[in-house]
Amino acid sequence: MSATNMQCPVCAVPLVMSERQNVEIDYCPRCRGVWLDRGELDKIIERGASEHQQQQRAAPAPVQSHPAYAPHRHETPYYQKRRKSFLEELFD
């Protein structure tokens, strides 16, 4: 992390630059506002779209349940733990 010459437009505090997953992010340590340089948002959108496509290809087909089967109210269906998305990992 390194300091930039820019100041937060909200707090007038110098912004801090951080690089996360090849994306440069300028953020305010006081109000936690985030600013992106030109092209950085495009990188985030492209990576998010490609990740979404990969998840769609890897997702199993939905299972059809028998219409006579009704789960009990206390029965919790089994769900696989969802992997964090690119954006969740970026700002985590």
Protein backbone atom coordinates (compact mmCIF):
# COMPACT_ATOMS: atom_id res chain seq x y z
CA MET A 1 0.00 0.00 0.00
CA SER A 2 1.22 3.47 -0.77
CA ALA A 3 -0.15 6.95 -0.42
CA THR A 4 -1.35 8.86 -3.48
CA ASN A 5 -1.29 12.61 -4.04
CA MET A 6 -5.08 12.66 -4.32
CA GLN A 7 -7.33 13.60 -1.45
CA CYS A 8 -10.71 12.19 -0.54
CA PRO A 9 -13.42 14.51 -1.92
CA VAL A 10 -15.54 13.78 1.17
CA CYS A 11 -13.00 13.99 4.05
CA ALA A 12 -10.07 15.85 2.44
CA VAL A 13 -7.77 13.08 3.78
CA PRO A 14 -5.01 11.71 1.50
CA LEU A 15 -6.18 8.56 -0.30
CA VAL A 16 -4.29 5.30 0.14
CA MET A 17 -3.61 3.07 -2.87
CA SER A 18 -3.91 -0.69 -2.61
CA GLU A 19 -3.53 -3.35 -5.29
CA ARG A 20 -5.82 -6.36 -4.96
CA GLN A 21 -5.82 -9.08 -7.61
CA ASN A 22 -4.19 -6.78 -10.20
CA VAL A 23 -6.72 -3.98 -9.62
CA GLU A 24 -5.51 -0.67 -8.18
CA ILE A 25 -7.92 0.77 -5.65
CA ASP A 26 -7.62 4.23 -4.07
CA TYR A 27 -9.50 4.36 -0.78
CA CYS A 28 -10.04 6.77 2.09
CA PRO A 29 -8.89 5.38 5.44
CA ARG A 30 -11.42 7.60 7.27
CA CYS A 31 -14.73 7.21 5.40
CA ARG A 32 -13.69 4.03 3.53
CA GLY A 33 -14.78 5.48 0.20
CA VAL A 34 -13.33 3.71 -2.85
CA TRP A 35 -12.14 5.26 -6.12
CA LEU A 36 -10.93 3.43 -9.21
CA ASP A 37 -8.60 4.65 -11.92
CA ARG A 38 -9.59 4.60 -15.59
CA GLY A 39 -9.94 1.02 -16.81
CA GLU A 40 -9.99 -0.56 -13.35
CA LEU A 41 -13.79 -0.85 -13.30
CA ASP A 42 -13.64 -2.53 -16.72
CA LYS A 43 -11.18 -5.10 -15.30
CA ILE A 44 -13.56 -5.83 -12.41
CA ILE A 45 -16.57 -6.18 -14.73
CA GLU A 46 -14.73 -8.46 -17.18
CA ARG A 47 -13.41 -10.69 -14.43
CA GLY A 48 -16.82 -10.88 -12.77
CA ALA A 49 -18.49 -11.80 -16.08
CA SER A 50 -15.95 -14.53 -16.86
CA GLU A 51 -16.31 -15.94 -13.32
CA HIS A 52 -20.09 -15.97 -13.71
CA GLN A 53 -19.78 -17.89 -17.00
CA GLN A 54 -17.47 -20.44 -15.36
CA GLN A 55 -19.94 -20.93 -12.50
CA GLN A 56 -22.81 -21.39 -14.97
CA ARG A 57 -20.88 -24.11 -16.83
CA ALA A 58 -19.92 -25.88 -13.59
CA ALA A 59 -23.35 -25.68 -11.93
CA PRO A 60 -25.19 -29.01 -11.68
CA ALA A 61 -28.63 -29.34 -13.21
CA PRO A 62 -31.50 -28.75 -10.77
CA VAL A 63 -32.89 -31.93 -9.21
CA GLN A 64 -36.60 -32.52 -9.64
CA SER A 65 -38.24 -33.73 -6.45
CA HIS A 66 -41.20 -36.04 -6.30
CA PRO A 67 -44.41 -33.97 -5.99
CA ALA A 68 -45.73 -36.22 -3.19
CA TYR A 69 -42.69 -35.50 -1.02
CA ALA A 70 -43.05 -32.47 1.21
CA PRO A 71 -40.10 -31.85 3.56
CA HIS A 72 -40.87 -31.34 7.21
CA ARG A 73 -40.65 -27.79 8.50
CA HIS A 74 -37.67 -28.63 10.69
CA GLU A 75 -35.82 -30.35 7.90
CA THR A 76 -33.05 -28.18 6.51
CA PRO A 77 -32.02 -28.81 2.92
CA TYR A 78 -28.34 -29.44 2.27
CA TYR A 79 -26.58 -26.61 0.48
CA GLN A 80 -22.99 -26.53 -0.61
CA LYS A 81 -21.01 -23.62 0.74
CA ARG A 82 -20.94 -20.92 -1.92
CA ARG A 83 -17.52 -19.77 -3.08
CA LYS A 84 -16.96 -16.04 -2.69
CA SER A 85 -17.34 -14.05 -5.87
CA PHE A 86 -14.52 -12.00 -7.33
CA LEU A 87 -15.99 -8.79 -5.91
CA GLU A 88 -16.38 -10.28 -2.43
CA GLU A 89 -12.75 -11.40 -2.52
CA LEU A 90 -11.60 -8.05 -3.89
CA PHE A 91 -13.14 -5.98 -1.08
CA ASP A 92 -12.72 -8.56 1.68
